[in-house]
Amino acid sequence: MTEIVLSDDAAWLQVDRIHGWLASSYWSPGIARETVARAIAGSHALGAYRGTEQIGFARMITDGATFAWLADVWVDEPGRGRGLGRRMVAWFLDRPDYAALRRIGLVTKDAHGVYAALGFHPLLRADRYMERLSPEAAAMLRAPQ
């Protein structure tokens, strides 16, 4: 079996493939390719590759000093259940520039165990958190799941 390589080299990212994954996800259904490209450009993006095929993706958005947001962790269907998602997240967490941050946030519907094993937990003071949603995002979140 071919080794899986993780790389943050932006030239390796297969944006069309990433767009397909994210457009089919529960958190960004139908997202435009241009939006995905802009999100990647404004983030620290990581790809997972088996040979020349991209099989995973994750990105971190940060101010570089105090806070980061982990987003869009995706493993292609055939590669799921083998720890690749956890490996990609750990890749970020193990970097000195992220290890010193006070807070890294994320949202998940169904991967709590993956993130808990890496030290994530529910909000300690959820009553202090607020968000501002676009009308489209609010409608999507209010729709029955």
C-alpha atoms as a PDB file:
ATOM      1  CA  MET A   1       0.000   0.000   0.000  1.00  0.00           C
ATOM      2  CA  THR A   2       1.281   3.468  -0.871  1.00  0.00           C
ATOM      3  CA  GLU A   3       2.283   5.677   2.042  1.00  0.00           C
ATOM      4  CA  ILE A   4       0.047   8.644   2.815  1.00  0.00           C
ATOM      5  CA  VAL A   5       1.947  11.929   2.775  1.00  0.00           C
ATOM      6  CA  LEU A   6       0.749  15.126   4.462  1.00  0.00           C
ATOM      7  CA  SER A   7       1.792  18.420   2.899  1.00  0.00           C
ATOM      8  CA  ASP A   8       0.900  22.072   3.239  1.00  0.00           C
ATOM      9  CA  ASP A   9       2.395  22.868  -0.174  1.00  0.00           C
ATOM     10  CA  ALA A  10      -0.413  24.877  -1.808  1.00  0.00           C
ATOM     11  CA  ALA A  11       0.737  23.765  -5.260  1.00  0.00           C
ATOM     12  CA  TRP A  12      -0.288  20.197  -4.431  1.00  0.00           C
ATOM     13  CA  LEU A  13      -3.881  21.051  -3.484  1.00  0.00           C
ATOM     14  CA  GLN A  14      -6.479  19.711  -5.894  1.00  0.00           C
ATOM     15  CA  VAL A  15      -9.032  22.488  -5.533  1.00  0.00           C
ATOM     16  CA  ASP A  16     -11.643  20.887  -7.802  1.00  0.00           C
ATOM     17  CA  ARG A  17     -11.551  17.728  -5.676  1.00  0.00           C
ATOM     18  CA  ILE A  18     -11.692  19.722  -2.426  1.00  0.00           C
ATOM     19  CA  HIS A  19     -14.618  21.710  -3.791  1.00  0.00           C
ATOM     20  CA  GLY A  20     -16.479  18.494  -4.612  1.00  0.00           C
ATOM     21  CA  TRP A  21     -15.986  17.202  -1.098  1.00  0.00           C
ATOM     22  CA  LEU A  22     -17.039  20.418   0.632  1.00  0.00           C
ATOM     23  CA  ALA A  23     -20.011  21.008  -1.684  1.00  0.00           C
ATOM     24  CA  SER A  24     -21.316  17.571  -0.632  1.00  0.00           C
ATOM     25  CA  SER A  25     -20.703  18.105   3.105  1.00  0.00           C
ATOM     26  CA  TYR A  26     -23.358  18.831   5.726  1.00  0.00           C
ATOM     27  CA  TRP A  27     -21.609  22.072   6.741  1.00  0.00           C
ATOM     28  CA  SER A  28     -21.253  23.708   3.324  1.00  0.00           C
ATOM     29  CA  PRO A  29     -23.678  22.054   0.898  1.00  0.00           C
ATOM     30  CA  GLY A  30     -23.494  23.534  -2.570  1.00  0.00           C
ATOM     31  CA  ILE A  31     -20.627  25.908  -1.705  1.00  0.00           C
ATOM     32  CA  ALA A  32     -19.260  27.707  -4.760  1.00  0.00           C
ATOM     33  CA  ARG A  33     -15.831  26.715  -6.055  1.00  0.00           C
ATOM     34  CA  GLU A  34     -14.697  30.352  -5.886  1.00  0.00           C
ATOM     35  CA  THR A  35     -15.642  30.474  -2.203  1.00  0.00           C
ATOM     36  CA  VAL A  36     -13.605  27.328  -1.541  1.00  0.00           C
ATOM     37  CA  ALA A  37     -10.629  28.812  -3.400  1.00  0.00           C
ATOM     38  CA  ARG A  38     -10.851  32.040  -1.357  1.00  0.00           C
ATOM     39  CA  ALA A  39     -11.158  30.056   1.891  1.00  0.00           C
ATOM     40  CA  ILE A  40      -8.049  28.064   1.026  1.00  0.00           C
ATOM     41  CA  ALA A  41      -6.139  31.233   0.115  1.00  0.00           C
ATOM     42  CA  GLY A  42      -6.962  32.757   3.517  1.00  0.00           C
ATOM     43  CA  SER A  43      -6.014  29.667   5.519  1.00  0.00           C
ATOM     44  CA  HIS A  44      -3.198  27.304   6.272  1.00  0.00           C
ATOM     45  CA  ALA A  45      -4.319  24.360   4.165  1.00  0.00           C
ATOM     46  CA  LEU A  46      -3.148  20.775   4.494  1.00  0.00           C
ATOM     47  CA  GLY A  47      -3.586  17.952   2.024  1.00  0.00           C
ATOM     48  CA  ALA A  48      -3.226  14.209   2.469  1.00  0.00           C
ATOM     49  CA  TYR A  49      -1.971  12.328  -0.575  1.00  0.00           C
ATOM     50  CA  ARG A  50      -1.635   8.729  -1.660  1.00  0.00           C
ATOM     51  CA  GLY A  51       0.743   9.037  -4.556  1.00  0.00           C
ATOM     52  CA  THR A  52      -0.581  11.891  -6.674  1.00  0.00           C
ATOM     53  CA  GLU A  53      -4.189  11.475  -5.499  1.00  0.00           C
ATOM     54  CA  GLN A  54      -5.440  13.830  -2.798  1.00  0.00           C
ATOM     55  CA  ILE A  55      -7.424  11.824  -0.267  1.00  0.00           C
ATOM     56  CA  GLY A  56      -7.786  14.305   2.593  1.00  0.00           C
ATOM     57  CA  PHE A  57      -7.957  17.978   3.449  1.00  0.00           C
ATOM     58  CA  ALA A  58      -8.028  20.246   6.494  1.00  0.00           C
ATOM     59  CA  ARG A  59      -7.392  23.907   7.097  1.00  0.00           C
ATOM     60  CA  MET A  60      -6.595  26.203   9.997  1.00  0.00           C
ATOM     61  CA  ILE A  61      -7.477  29.887  10.178  1.00  0.00           C
ATOM     62  CA  THR A  62      -5.495  31.898  12.727  1.00  0.00           C
ATOM     63  CA  ASP A  63      -4.240  35.270  13.876  1.00  0.00           C
ATOM     64  CA  GLY A  64      -0.930  33.538  14.517  1.00  0.00           C
ATOM     65  CA  ALA A  65      -0.756  34.623  18.142  1.00  0.00           C
ATOM     66  CA  THR A  66      -3.795  33.719  20.263  1.00  0.00           C
ATOM     67  CA  PHE A  67      -6.552  31.943  18.351  1.00  0.00           C
ATOM     68  CA  ALA A  68      -7.176  29.489  15.521  1.00  0.00           C
ATOM     69  CA  TRP A  69     -10.182  27.827  13.966  1.00  0.00           C
ATOM     70  CA  LEU A  70      -9.960  24.313  12.540  1.00  0.00           C
ATOM     71  CA  ALA A  71     -12.216  23.798   9.532  1.00  0.00           C
ATOM     72  CA  ASP A  72     -13.130  21.534   6.650  1.00  0.00           C
ATOM     73  CA  VAL A  73     -11.485  18.336   7.875  1.00  0.00           C
ATOM     74  CA  TRP A  74     -12.320  15.790   5.190  1.00  0.00           C
ATOM     75  CA  VAL A  75     -11.168  12.274   4.385  1.00  0.00           C
ATOM     76  CA  ASP A  76     -12.296  10.699   1.120  1.00  0.00           C
ATOM     77  CA  GLU A  77     -14.768   7.857   1.733  1.00  0.00           C
ATOM     78  CA  PRO A  78     -12.423   4.922   0.954  1.00  0.00           C
ATOM     79  CA  GLY A  79      -9.808   6.261   3.378  1.00  0.00           C
ATOM     80  CA  ARG A  80     -12.086   6.796   6.363  1.00  0.00           C
ATOM     81  CA  GLY A  81     -11.826   4.901   9.623  1.00  0.00           C
ATOM     82  CA  ARG A  82      -8.035   4.581   9.561  1.00  0.00           C
ATOM     83  CA  GLY A  83      -7.069   7.616  11.626  1.00  0.00           C
ATOM     84  CA  LEU A  84      -6.228   9.979   8.781  1.00  0.00           C
ATOM     85  CA  GLY A  85      -8.520  12.763  10.019  1.00  0.00           C
ATOM     86  CA  ARG A  86      -6.915  12.571  13.457  1.00  0.00           C
ATOM     87  CA  ARG A  87      -3.462  12.508  11.854  1.00  0.00           C
ATOM     88  CA  MET A  88      -4.187  15.681   9.866  1.00  0.00           C
ATOM     89  CA  VAL A  89      -5.471  17.534  12.935  1.00  0.00           C
ATOM     90  CA  ALA A  90      -2.471  16.344  14.974  1.00  0.00           C
ATOM     91  CA  TRP A  91      -0.185  17.661  12.212  1.00  0.00           C
ATOM     92  CA  PHE A  92      -1.468  21.165  12.973  1.00  0.00           C
ATOM     93  CA  LEU A  93      -1.473  20.738  16.751  1.00  0.00           C
ATOM     94  CA  ASP A  94       2.116  19.492  16.765  1.00  0.00           C
ATOM     95  CA  ARG A  95       3.461  22.589  15.005  1.00  0.00           C
ATOM     96  CA  PRO A  96       5.116  25.062  17.391  1.00  0.00           C
ATOM     97  CA  ASP A  97       3.204  28.012  15.889  1.00  0.00           C
ATOM     98  CA  TYR A  98      -0.116  26.382  16.840  1.00  0.00           C
ATOM     99  CA  ALA A  99       0.974  24.737  20.106  1.00  0.00           C
ATOM    100  CA  ALA A 100       1.434  28.172  21.713  1.00  0.00           C
ATOM    101  CA  LEU A 101      -2.094  29.404  20.915  1.00  0.00           C
ATOM    102  CA  ARG A 102      -4.512  29.923  23.807  1.00  0.00           C
ATOM    103  CA  ARG A 103      -7.550  28.587  21.963  1.00  0.00           C
ATOM    104  CA  ILE A 104      -8.326  26.481  18.906  1.00  0.00           C
ATOM    105  CA  GLY A 105     -11.999  26.130  18.059  1.00  0.00           C
ATOM    106  CA  LEU A 106     -13.997  23.916  15.761  1.00  0.00           C
ATOM    107  CA  VAL A 107     -17.527  22.721  15.091  1.00  0.00           C
ATOM    108  CA  THR A 108     -18.516  19.115  14.412  1.00  0.00           C
ATOM    109  CA  LYS A 109     -21.738  17.194  14.129  1.00  0.00           C
ATOM    110  CA  ASP A 110     -20.380  13.664  14.285  1.00  0.00           C
ATOM    111  CA  ALA A 111     -16.627  13.472  14.976  1.00  0.00           C
ATOM    112  CA  HIS A 112     -16.471  14.360  18.656  1.00  0.00           C
ATOM    113  CA  GLY A 113     -14.399  11.263  19.474  1.00  0.00           C
ATOM    114  CA  VAL A 114     -11.755  12.154  16.896  1.00  0.00           C
ATOM    115  CA  TYR A 115     -11.304  15.603  18.398  1.00  0.00           C
ATOM    116  CA  ALA A 116     -11.646  14.564  22.053  1.00  0.00           C
ATOM    117  CA  ALA A 117      -8.701  12.199  21.614  1.00  0.00           C
ATOM    118  CA  LEU A 118      -6.653  15.275  20.629  1.00  0.00           C
ATOM    119  CA  GLY A 119      -7.657  17.359  23.668  1.00  0.00           C
ATOM    120  CA  PHE A 120     -10.753  19.157  22.369  1.00  0.00           C
ATOM    121  CA  HIS A 121     -13.807  19.378  24.641  1.00  0.00           C
ATOM    122  CA  PRO A 122     -17.203  21.124  24.747  1.00  0.00           C
ATOM    123  CA  LEU A 123     -17.143  24.848  25.463  1.00  0.00           C
ATOM    124  CA  LEU A 124     -16.380  25.571  29.106  1.00  0.00           C
ATOM    125  CA  ARG A 125     -18.366  28.795  29.048  1.00  0.00           C
ATOM    126  CA  ALA A 126     -20.809  28.389  26.203  1.00  0.00           C
ATOM    127  CA  ASP A 127     -22.928  31.262  27.526  1.00  0.00           C
ATOM    128  CA  ARG A 128     -20.148  33.663  26.519  1.00  0.00           C
ATOM    129  CA  TYR A 129     -20.036  32.627  22.870  1.00  0.00           C
ATOM    130  CA  MET A 130     -22.075  34.318  20.195  1.00  0.00           C
ATOM    131  CA  GLU A 131     -22.129  34.186  16.433  1.00  0.00           C
ATOM    132  CA  ARG A 132     -23.416  36.233  13.544  1.00  0.00           C
ATOM    133  CA  LEU A 133     -24.755  34.207  10.639  1.00  0.00           C
ATOM    134  CA  SER A 134     -25.587  35.150   7.091  1.00  0.00           C
ATOM    135  CA  PRO A 135     -29.270  34.600   6.263  1.00  0.00           C
ATOM    136  CA  GLU A 136     -28.291  31.558   4.182  1.00  0.00           C
ATOM    137  CA  ALA A 137     -26.250  29.994   6.997  1.00  0.00           C
ATOM    138  CA  ALA A 138     -29.012  30.645   9.519  1.00  0.00           C
ATOM    139  CA  ALA A 139     -31.590  28.990   7.235  1.00  0.00           C
ATOM    140  CA  MET A 140     -29.317  25.988   6.718  1.00  0.00           C
ATOM    141  CA  LEU A 141     -28.770  25.559  10.458  1.00  0.00           C
ATOM    142  CA  ARG A 142     -32.474  25.927  11.246  1.00  0.00           C
ATOM    143  CA  ALA A 143     -33.467  23.300   8.688  1.00  0.00           C
ATOM    144  CA  PRO A 144     -34.169  19.819  10.030  1.00  0.00           C
ATOM    145  CA  GLN A 145     -31.061  17.673   9.939  1.00  0.00           C
END
